[in-house]
Amino acid sequence: MGLKEKDRLEVVKFRLEKSKETFKEIPILIENKFFRTAANRLYYACYYAVSALLIRDGYVTHTHKGVKILFGLHYIKENIIDKSLGRIYDKLFSLRHTGDYEDWVIIEENDINDLLFPAEKFIAEMENLINKMIYDN
């Protein structure tokens, strides 16, 4: 059974807030040289924003790969979201996967710093799109 509109909006708002809170963790991790964990949090900050967008539009998936696929099909392929943002999400997805599951991979400060501004822009774009959808309805 799907969520009622009011409940769905609450989940969307919660996920967006979770995205922003997670993003705030990253400078602390970088400062303490926890680059692998910073990569994880950077990905999750964007993941929460994408999942908020998907939930807003009634899409349901229970896997990270499913989120990535639905995001690509319904927003990137349909030109709702610029392909450059899709590439950022792909990079974050790969970096997090590599950092969490691959042995002998070193994630350095530059790997994270190079993605900080693009990820922040990504989250802002998701939030703008969600707000536009909410307030246009």
N, C-alpha and C. Protein backbone atom coordinates (compact mmCIF):
# COMPACT_ATOMS: atom_id res chain seq x y z
N MET A 1 0.85 -1.19 0.00
CA MET A 1 0.00 0.00 0.00
C MET A 1 0.89 1.25 0.00
N GLY A 2 0.58 2.18 -0.87
CA GLY A 2 1.38 3.40 -0.99
C GLY A 2 1.10 4.40 0.12
N LEU A 3 1.99 5.36 0.24
CA LEU A 3 1.84 6.41 1.23
C LEU A 3 0.79 7.41 0.79
N LYS A 4 0.08 7.97 1.76
CA LYS A 4 -0.81 9.08 1.47
C LYS A 4 0.05 10.29 1.13
N GLU A 5 -0.50 11.22 0.39
CA GLU A 5 0.25 12.39 -0.08
C GLU A 5 0.93 13.13 1.08
N LYS A 6 0.21 13.38 2.14
CA LYS A 6 0.77 14.10 3.30
C LYS A 6 1.96 13.33 3.89
N ASP A 7 1.80 12.03 4.04
CA ASP A 7 2.88 11.20 4.59
C ASP A 7 4.07 11.15 3.65
N ARG A 8 3.80 11.07 2.36
CA ARG A 8 4.88 11.05 1.38
C ARG A 8 5.68 12.34 1.45
N LEU A 9 5.02 13.47 1.57
CA LEU A 9 5.72 14.75 1.68
C LEU A 9 6.57 14.82 2.94
N GLU A 10 6.10 14.24 4.01
CA GLU A 10 6.89 14.21 5.25
C GLU A 10 8.16 13.38 5.07
N VAL A 11 8.04 12.26 4.39
CA VAL A 11 9.21 11.42 4.13
C VAL A 11 10.18 12.17 3.22
N VAL A 12 9.67 12.84 2.22
CA VAL A 12 10.51 13.62 1.31
C VAL A 12 11.27 14.68 2.08
N LYS A 13 10.58 15.43 2.92
CA LYS A 13 11.22 16.47 3.73
C LYS A 13 12.28 15.87 4.65
N PHE A 14 11.97 14.73 5.26
CA PHE A 14 12.92 14.06 6.14
C PHE A 14 14.17 13.65 5.38
N ARG A 15 13.99 13.07 4.19
CA ARG A 15 15.15 12.64 3.40
C ARG A 15 16.01 13.83 2.98
N LEU A 16 15.38 14.94 2.60
CA LEU A 16 16.16 16.13 2.24
C LEU A 16 16.95 16.65 3.43
N GLU A 17 16.33 16.67 4.59
CA GLU A 17 17.04 17.12 5.78
C GLU A 17 18.19 16.17 6.11
N LYS A 18 17.94 14.88 5.98
CA LYS A 18 18.98 13.87 6.20
C LYS A 18 20.13 14.08 5.23
N SER A 19 19.82 14.43 3.99
CA SER A 19 20.84 14.70 2.99
C SER A 19 21.74 15.85 3.44
N LYS A 20 21.12 16.93 3.87
CA LYS A 20 21.89 18.11 4.29
C LYS A 20 22.70 17.85 5.55
N GLU A 21 22.13 17.13 6.50
CA GLU A 21 22.86 16.78 7.73
C GLU A 21 24.06 15.90 7.41
N THR A 22 23.87 14.94 6.54
CA THR A 22 24.95 14.04 6.16
C THR A 22 26.07 14.82 5.47
N PHE A 23 25.70 15.75 4.62
CA PHE A 23 26.71 16.57 3.94
C PHE A 23 27.54 17.37 4.96
N LYS A 24 26.94 17.81 6.03
CA LYS A 24 27.65 18.58 7.06
C LYS A 24 28.70 17.75 7.80
N GLU A 25 28.58 16.43 7.77
CA GLU A 25 29.55 15.55 8.42
C GLU A 25 30.89 15.52 7.69
N ILE A 26 30.86 15.78 6.41
CA ILE A 26 32.02 15.55 5.55
C ILE A 26 33.25 16.38 5.92
N PRO A 27 33.12 17.68 6.18
CA PRO A 27 34.32 18.45 6.56
C PRO A 27 35.01 17.91 7.82
N ILE A 28 34.24 17.41 8.75
CA ILE A 28 34.81 16.83 9.98
C ILE A 28 35.61 15.58 9.64
N LEU A 29 35.07 14.77 8.76
CA LEU A 29 35.76 13.55 8.34
C LEU A 29 37.04 13.88 7.57
N ILE A 30 36.98 14.87 6.70
CA ILE A 30 38.17 15.28 5.95
C ILE A 30 39.24 15.80 6.90
N GLU A 31 38.83 16.65 7.82
CA GLU A 31 39.77 17.23 8.79
C GLU A 31 40.50 16.14 9.57
N ASN A 32 39.80 15.05 9.85
CA ASN A 32 40.39 13.94 10.61
C ASN A 32 40.97 12.84 9.72
N LYS A 33 41.03 13.12 8.42
CA LYS A 33 41.64 12.23 7.44
C LYS A 33 40.92 10.88 7.28
N PHE A 34 39.62 10.90 7.49
CA PHE A 34 38.79 9.71 7.26
C PHE A 34 38.18 9.81 5.86
N PHE A 35 39.04 9.69 4.86
CA PHE A 35 38.62 9.93 3.48
C PHE A 35 37.68 8.86 2.94
N ARG A 36 37.89 7.63 3.33
CA ARG A 36 37.01 6.55 2.89
C ARG A 36 35.60 6.78 3.45
N THR A 37 35.52 7.15 4.70
CA THR A 37 34.22 7.43 5.31
C THR A 37 33.60 8.69 4.72
N ALA A 38 34.42 9.67 4.41
CA ALA A 38 33.93 10.90 3.77
C ALA A 38 33.31 10.57 2.41
N ALA A 39 33.94 9.66 1.66
CA ALA A 39 33.38 9.25 0.36
C ALA A 39 32.02 8.60 0.56
N ASN A 40 31.91 7.77 1.57
CA ASN A 40 30.64 7.12 1.89
C ASN A 40 29.57 8.15 2.21
N ARG A 41 29.89 9.11 3.07
CA ARG A 41 28.91 10.12 3.48
C ARG A 41 28.54 11.05 2.32
N LEU A 42 29.52 11.33 1.47
CA LEU A 42 29.27 12.18 0.31
C LEU A 42 28.25 11.51 -0.61
N TYR A 43 28.45 10.23 -0.85
CA TYR A 43 27.49 9.48 -1.66
C TYR A 43 26.12 9.47 -0.99
N TYR A 44 26.09 9.15 0.31
CA TYR A 44 24.81 9.05 0.99
C TYR A 44 24.07 10.38 1.03
N ALA A 45 24.78 11.48 1.15
CA ALA A 45 24.12 12.79 1.12
C ALA A 45 23.35 12.95 -0.18
N CYS A 46 23.96 12.55 -1.28
CA CYS A 46 23.29 12.64 -2.59
C CYS A 46 22.22 11.56 -2.76
N TYR A 47 22.49 10.39 -2.25
CA TYR A 47 21.52 9.28 -2.30
C TYR A 47 20.22 9.68 -1.61
N TYR A 48 20.32 10.28 -0.43
CA TYR A 48 19.11 10.69 0.28
C TYR A 48 18.33 11.72 -0.52
N ALA A 49 19.03 12.63 -1.19
CA ALA A 49 18.36 13.64 -2.00
C ALA A 49 17.65 12.99 -3.20
N VAL A 50 18.33 12.05 -3.86
CA VAL A 50 17.71 11.35 -5.00
C VAL A 50 16.53 10.52 -4.53
N SER A 51 16.68 9.84 -3.42
CA SER A 51 15.57 9.02 -2.93
C SER A 51 14.38 9.90 -2.56
N ALA A 52 14.62 11.11 -2.05
CA ALA A 52 13.53 12.04 -1.76
C ALA A 52 12.77 12.39 -3.05
N LEU A 53 13.52 12.64 -4.11
CA LEU A 53 12.91 12.95 -5.40
C LEU A 53 12.08 11.77 -5.90
N LEU A 54 12.62 10.59 -5.82
CA LEU A 54 11.90 9.40 -6.27
C LEU A 54 10.63 9.19 -5.45
N ILE A 55 10.73 9.33 -4.15
CA ILE A 55 9.57 9.16 -3.28
C ILE A 55 8.52 10.21 -3.60
N ARG A 56 8.98 11.43 -3.84
CA ARG A 56 8.04 12.51 -4.18
C ARG A 56 7.17 12.13 -5.39
N ASP A 57 7.77 11.44 -6.33
CA ASP A 57 7.05 11.07 -7.55
C ASP A 57 6.45 9.66 -7.50
N GLY A 58 6.51 9.03 -6.33
CA GLY A 58 5.86 7.75 -6.15
C GLY A 58 6.64 6.54 -6.61
N TYR A 59 7.94 6.70 -6.90
CA TYR A 59 8.77 5.57 -7.31
C TYR A 59 9.31 4.86 -6.06
N VAL A 60 9.30 3.54 -6.11
CA VAL A 60 9.74 2.76 -4.97
C VAL A 60 10.82 1.78 -5.41
N THR A 61 11.90 1.76 -4.67
CA THR A 61 12.96 0.77 -4.87
C THR A 61 13.62 0.53 -3.52
N HIS A 62 14.22 -0.62 -3.37
CA HIS A 62 14.81 -0.98 -2.09
C HIS A 62 16.31 -1.22 -2.18
N THR A 63 16.90 -0.82 -3.31
CA THR A 63 18.34 -1.02 -3.47
C THR A 63 18.99 0.26 -3.99
N HIS A 64 20.28 0.38 -3.75
CA HIS A 64 21.03 1.53 -4.27
C HIS A 64 21.06 1.50 -5.79
N LYS A 65 21.25 0.31 -6.34
CA LYS A 65 21.26 0.18 -7.79
C LYS A 65 19.90 0.56 -8.38
N GLY A 66 18.84 0.18 -7.69
CA GLY A 66 17.49 0.54 -8.14
C GLY A 66 17.28 2.04 -8.15
N VAL A 67 17.79 2.72 -7.13
CA VAL A 67 17.69 4.18 -7.08
C VAL A 67 18.44 4.77 -8.27
N LYS A 68 19.63 4.26 -8.51
CA LYS A 68 20.45 4.76 -9.62
C LYS A 68 19.74 4.55 -10.96
N ILE A 69 19.15 3.38 -11.14
CA ILE A 69 18.46 3.07 -12.40
C ILE A 69 17.22 3.96 -12.58
N LEU A 70 16.40 4.07 -11.55
CA LEU A 70 15.19 4.89 -11.65
C LEU A 70 15.54 6.36 -11.88
N PHE A 71 16.57 6.84 -11.21
CA PHE A 71 17.02 8.21 -11.40
C PHE A 71 17.42 8.45 -12.86
N GLY A 72 18.18 7.51 -13.40
CA GLY A 72 18.61 7.62 -14.79
C GLY A 72 17.44 7.58 -15.77
N LEU A 73 16.53 6.64 -15.56
CA LEU A 73 15.40 6.47 -16.48
C LEU A 73 14.42 7.63 -16.46
N HIS A 74 14.08 8.09 -15.27
CA HIS A 74 12.98 9.04 -15.16
C HIS A 74 13.40 10.51 -15.11
N TYR A 75 14.67 10.77 -14.87
CA TYR A 75 15.09 12.17 -14.73
C TYR A 75 16.21 12.54 -15.70
N ILE A 76 17.21 11.68 -15.82
CA ILE A 76 18.32 11.98 -16.73
C ILE A 76 17.90 11.73 -18.17
N LYS A 77 17.41 10.55 -18.44
CA LYS A 77 17.01 10.19 -19.80
C LYS A 77 15.88 11.08 -20.32
N GLU A 78 15.02 11.52 -19.43
CA GLU A 78 13.89 12.38 -19.80
C GLU A 78 14.27 13.86 -19.83
N ASN A 79 15.57 14.16 -19.62
CA ASN A 79 16.10 15.53 -19.64
C ASN A 79 15.46 16.46 -18.61
N ILE A 80 15.01 15.89 -17.52
CA ILE A 80 14.51 16.70 -16.41
C ILE A 80 15.69 17.22 -15.61
N ILE A 81 16.71 16.40 -15.54
CA ILE A 81 17.95 16.75 -14.83
C ILE A 81 19.10 16.61 -15.82
N ASP A 82 20.01 17.57 -15.76
CA ASP A 82 21.14 17.60 -16.67
C ASP A 82 22.01 16.34 -16.52
N LYS A 83 22.50 15.87 -17.65
CA LYS A 83 23.35 14.67 -17.67
C LYS A 83 24.61 14.83 -16.82
N SER A 84 25.11 16.05 -16.69
CA SER A 84 26.30 16.27 -15.87
C SER A 84 26.04 15.90 -14.41
N LEU A 85 24.82 16.13 -13.94
CA LEU A 85 24.48 15.73 -12.57
C LEU A 85 24.36 14.21 -12.47
N GLY A 86 23.90 13.59 -13.53
CA GLY A 86 23.87 12.13 -13.55
C GLY A 86 25.27 11.55 -13.46
N ARG A 87 26.23 12.19 -14.13
CA ARG A 87 27.62 11.72 -14.07
C ARG A 87 28.20 11.90 -12.67
N ILE A 88 27.84 12.98 -12.00
CA ILE A 88 28.30 13.19 -10.62
C ILE A 88 27.78 12.06 -9.74
N TYR A 89 26.50 11.75 -9.87
CA TYR A 89 25.93 10.68 -9.06
C TYR A 89 26.61 9.34 -9.36
N ASP A 90 26.89 9.09 -10.63
CA ASP A 90 27.61 7.86 -11.01
C ASP A 90 28.99 7.80 -10.35
N LYS A 91 29.71 8.92 -10.36
CA LYS A 91 31.04 8.96 -9.74
C LYS A 91 30.95 8.68 -8.24
N LEU A 92 29.97 9.31 -7.59
CA LEU A 92 29.80 9.10 -6.15
C LEU A 92 29.42 7.66 -5.85
N PHE A 93 28.55 7.10 -6.66
CA PHE A 93 28.12 5.71 -6.50
C PHE A 93 29.34 4.79 -6.60
N SER A 94 30.16 5.01 -7.61
CA SER A 94 31.36 4.18 -7.81
C SER A 94 32.38 4.37 -6.70
N LEU A 95 32.61 5.61 -6.31
CA LEU A 95 33.58 5.90 -5.26
C LEU A 95 33.17 5.25 -3.94
N ARG A 96 31.89 5.38 -3.60
CA ARG A 96 31.40 4.76 -2.36
C ARG A 96 31.52 3.24 -2.43
N HIS A 97 31.13 2.67 -3.55
CA HIS A 97 31.19 1.22 -3.70
C HIS A 97 32.63 0.73 -3.59
N THR A 98 33.53 1.41 -4.27
CA THR A 98 34.95 1.06 -4.22
C THR A 98 35.47 1.19 -2.79
N GLY A 99 35.18 2.30 -2.15
CA GLY A 99 35.66 2.54 -0.79
C GLY A 99 35.12 1.56 0.23
N ASP A 100 33.87 1.15 0.05
CA ASP A 100 33.25 0.24 1.02
C ASP A 100 33.59 -1.22 0.78
N TYR A 101 33.81 -1.61 -0.48
CA TYR A 101 33.90 -3.04 -0.78
C TYR A 101 35.21 -3.52 -1.39
N GLU A 102 36.01 -2.61 -1.90
CA GLU A 102 37.25 -3.03 -2.54
C GLU A 102 38.42 -2.95 -1.55
N ASP A 103 39.25 -3.97 -1.56
CA ASP A 103 40.46 -3.96 -0.74
C ASP A 103 41.56 -3.23 -1.49
N TRP A 104 42.46 -2.67 -0.76
CA TRP A 104 43.67 -2.04 -1.29
C TRP A 104 43.42 -0.75 -2.09
N VAL A 105 42.24 -0.24 -2.03
CA VAL A 105 41.95 1.01 -2.72
C VAL A 105 42.14 2.15 -1.72
N ILE A 106 42.87 3.15 -2.14
CA ILE A 106 43.12 4.30 -1.28
C ILE A 106 42.31 5.48 -1.82
N ILE A 107 41.52 6.05 -0.95
CA ILE A 107 40.77 7.26 -1.29
C ILE A 107 41.49 8.41 -0.60
N GLU A 108 41.84 9.40 -1.39
CA GLU A 108 42.62 10.53 -0.87
C GLU A 108 41.76 11.78 -0.74
N GLU A 109 42.32 12.75 -0.06
CA GLU A 109 41.62 14.01 0.18
C GLU A 109 41.17 14.66 -1.13
N ASN A 110 42.02 14.64 -2.14
CA ASN A 110 41.65 15.24 -3.43
C ASN A 110 40.44 14.56 -4.05
N ASP A 111 40.31 13.25 -3.86
CA ASP A 111 39.15 12.53 -4.39
C ASP A 111 37.85 13.11 -3.83
N ILE A 112 37.90 13.46 -2.55
CA ILE A 112 36.72 14.01 -1.89
C ILE A 112 36.54 15.48 -2.25
N ASN A 113 37.62 16.24 -2.14
CA ASN A 113 37.53 17.69 -2.41
C ASN A 113 37.04 17.98 -3.82
N ASP A 114 37.44 17.15 -4.78
CA ASP A 114 37.02 17.36 -6.17
C ASP A 114 35.51 17.17 -6.35
N LEU A 115 34.88 16.46 -5.43
CA LEU A 115 33.46 16.18 -5.56
C LEU A 115 32.57 16.98 -4.60
N LEU A 116 33.19 17.72 -3.69
CA LEU A 116 32.39 18.46 -2.69
C LEU A 116 31.44 19.47 -3.32
N PHE A 117 31.98 20.38 -4.12
CA PHE A 117 31.12 21.39 -4.72
C PHE A 117 30.10 20.77 -5.68
N PRO A 118 30.51 19.85 -6.56
CA PRO A 118 29.51 19.22 -7.44
C PRO A 118 28.40 18.50 -6.65
N ALA A 119 28.77 17.85 -5.55
CA ALA A 119 27.77 17.16 -4.74
C ALA A 119 26.83 18.16 -4.07
N GLU A 120 27.38 19.26 -3.60
CA GLU A 120 26.54 20.29 -2.99
C GLU A 120 25.57 20.87 -4.02
N LYS A 121 26.06 21.08 -5.23
CA LYS A 121 25.21 21.55 -6.33
C LYS A 121 24.13 20.51 -6.65
N PHE A 122 24.53 19.26 -6.66
CA PHE A 122 23.61 18.16 -6.94
C PHE A 122 22.46 18.16 -5.94
N ILE A 123 22.79 18.25 -4.67
CA ILE A 123 21.77 18.24 -3.62
C ILE A 123 20.84 19.45 -3.78
N ALA A 124 21.41 20.61 -4.05
CA ALA A 124 20.60 21.81 -4.24
C ALA A 124 19.65 21.65 -5.43
N GLU A 125 20.12 21.04 -6.50
CA GLU A 125 19.26 20.81 -7.67
C GLU A 125 18.11 19.86 -7.35
N MET A 126 18.40 18.80 -6.59
CA MET A 126 17.34 17.87 -6.20
C MET A 126 16.30 18.61 -5.36
N GLU A 127 16.78 19.41 -4.42
CA GLU A 127 15.88 20.16 -3.54
C GLU A 127 15.04 21.15 -4.35
N ASN A 128 15.67 21.85 -5.29
CA ASN A 128 14.93 22.80 -6.12
C ASN A 128 13.84 22.11 -6.93
N LEU A 129 14.17 20.98 -7.51
CA LEU A 129 13.20 20.24 -8.31
C LEU A 129 12.05 19.73 -7.44
N ILE A 130 12.38 19.22 -6.28
CA ILE A 130 11.34 18.73 -5.37
C ILE A 130 10.43 19.88 -4.95
N ASN A 131 11.02 21.00 -4.56
CA ASN A 131 10.22 22.15 -4.12
C ASN A 131 9.34 22.66 -5.25
N LYS A 132 9.88 22.69 -6.45
CA LYS A 132 9.09 23.13 -7.60
C LYS A 132 7.90 22.21 -7.79
N MET A 133 8.13 20.93 -7.68
CA MET A 133 7.04 19.96 -7.85
C MET A 133 5.99 20.10 -6.75
N ILE A 134 6.47 20.32 -5.52
CA ILE A 134 5.54 20.44 -4.39
C ILE A 134 4.69 21.69 -4.52
N TYR A 135 5.33 22.82 -4.84
CA TYR A 135 4.62 24.09 -4.84
C TYR A 135 3.87 24.36 -6.13
N ASP A 136 4.19 23.62 -7.18
CA ASP A 136 3.44 23.77 -8.43
C ASP A 136 2.15 22.96 -8.41
N ASN A 137 2.07 22.01 -7.49
CA ASN A 137 0.85 21.17 -7.40
C ASN A 137 -0.19 21.77 -6.50
